[in-house]
Amino acid sequence: MYNEKIENLINFALEERELTEKEKQILFKKAQEEGVDLDAVR
């Protein structure tokens, strides 16, 4: 679905069960850098 880096970030965030604003920003930035549609990440 996504590249491995993005999937790892998403899985890490889900393990914590709480996503901080900083983590969201990092995730969106990395997704954007990799050309992933940000709506798919939200």
C-alpha atoms as a PDB file:
ATOM      1  CA  MET A   1       0.000   0.000   0.000  1.00  0.00           C
ATOM      2  CA  TYR A   2       2.543   2.609   1.138  1.00  0.00           C
ATOM      3  CA  ASN A   3       6.275   2.321   1.089  1.00  0.00           C
ATOM      4  CA  GLU A   4       7.948   0.567   3.991  1.00  0.00           C
ATOM      5  CA  LYS A   5       9.053   3.774   5.777  1.00  0.00           C
ATOM      6  CA  ILE A   6       5.511   5.154   5.874  1.00  0.00           C
ATOM      7  CA  GLU A   7       4.062   1.826   6.969  1.00  0.00           C
ATOM      8  CA  ASN A   8       6.601   1.587   9.797  1.00  0.00           C
ATOM      9  CA  LEU A   9       5.721   5.094  10.999  1.00  0.00           C
ATOM     10  CA  ILE A  10       2.004   4.306  10.901  1.00  0.00           C
ATOM     11  CA  ASN A  11       2.483   1.018  12.753  1.00  0.00           C
ATOM     12  CA  PHE A  12       4.634   2.672  15.399  1.00  0.00           C
ATOM     13  CA  ALA A  13       2.013   5.365  15.923  1.00  0.00           C
ATOM     14  CA  LEU A  14      -0.752   2.766  16.208  1.00  0.00           C
ATOM     15  CA  GLU A  15       1.189   0.767  18.793  1.00  0.00           C
ATOM     16  CA  GLU A  16       1.191   3.754  21.134  1.00  0.00           C
ATOM     17  CA  ARG A  17      -2.578   4.178  20.649  1.00  0.00           C
ATOM     18  CA  GLU A  18      -2.158   7.944  20.870  1.00  0.00           C
ATOM     19  CA  LEU A  19      -0.758  10.141  18.143  1.00  0.00           C
ATOM     20  CA  THR A  20       0.741  13.430  19.254  1.00  0.00           C
ATOM     21  CA  GLU A  21       0.553  16.511  17.069  1.00  0.00           C
ATOM     22  CA  LYS A  22       4.303  16.273  16.462  1.00  0.00           C
ATOM     23  CA  GLU A  23       3.990  12.645  15.346  1.00  0.00           C
ATOM     24  CA  LYS A  24       1.164  13.616  12.986  1.00  0.00           C
ATOM     25  CA  GLN A  25       3.308  16.336  11.455  1.00  0.00           C
ATOM     26  CA  ILE A  26       6.212  13.942  10.945  1.00  0.00           C
ATOM     27  CA  LEU A  27       3.961  11.289   9.438  1.00  0.00           C
ATOM     28  CA  PHE A  28       2.318  13.742   7.033  1.00  0.00           C
ATOM     29  CA  LYS A  29       5.667  15.240   6.052  1.00  0.00           C
ATOM     30  CA  LYS A  30       7.197  11.830   5.308  1.00  0.00           C
ATOM     31  CA  ALA A  31       4.107  10.734   3.397  1.00  0.00           C
ATOM     32  CA  GLN A  32       4.200  13.889   1.322  1.00  0.00           C
ATOM     33  CA  GLU A  33       7.917  13.399   0.604  1.00  0.00           C
ATOM     34  CA  GLU A  34       7.159   9.886  -0.632  1.00  0.00           C
ATOM     35  CA  GLY A  35       4.314  11.075  -2.850  1.00  0.00           C
ATOM     36  CA  VAL A  36       1.546   9.494  -0.773  1.00  0.00           C
ATOM     37  CA  ASP A  37      -1.867  11.182  -0.958  1.00  0.00           C
ATOM     38  CA  LEU A  38      -2.280  12.859   2.431  1.00  0.00           C
ATOM     39  CA  ASP A  39      -6.007  12.073   2.466  1.00  0.00           C
ATOM     40  CA  ALA A  40      -5.053   8.378   2.484  1.00  0.00           C
ATOM     41  CA  VAL A  41      -2.985   8.918   5.621  1.00  0.00           C
ATOM     42  CA  ARG A  42      -5.584  10.861   7.607  1.00  0.00           C
END
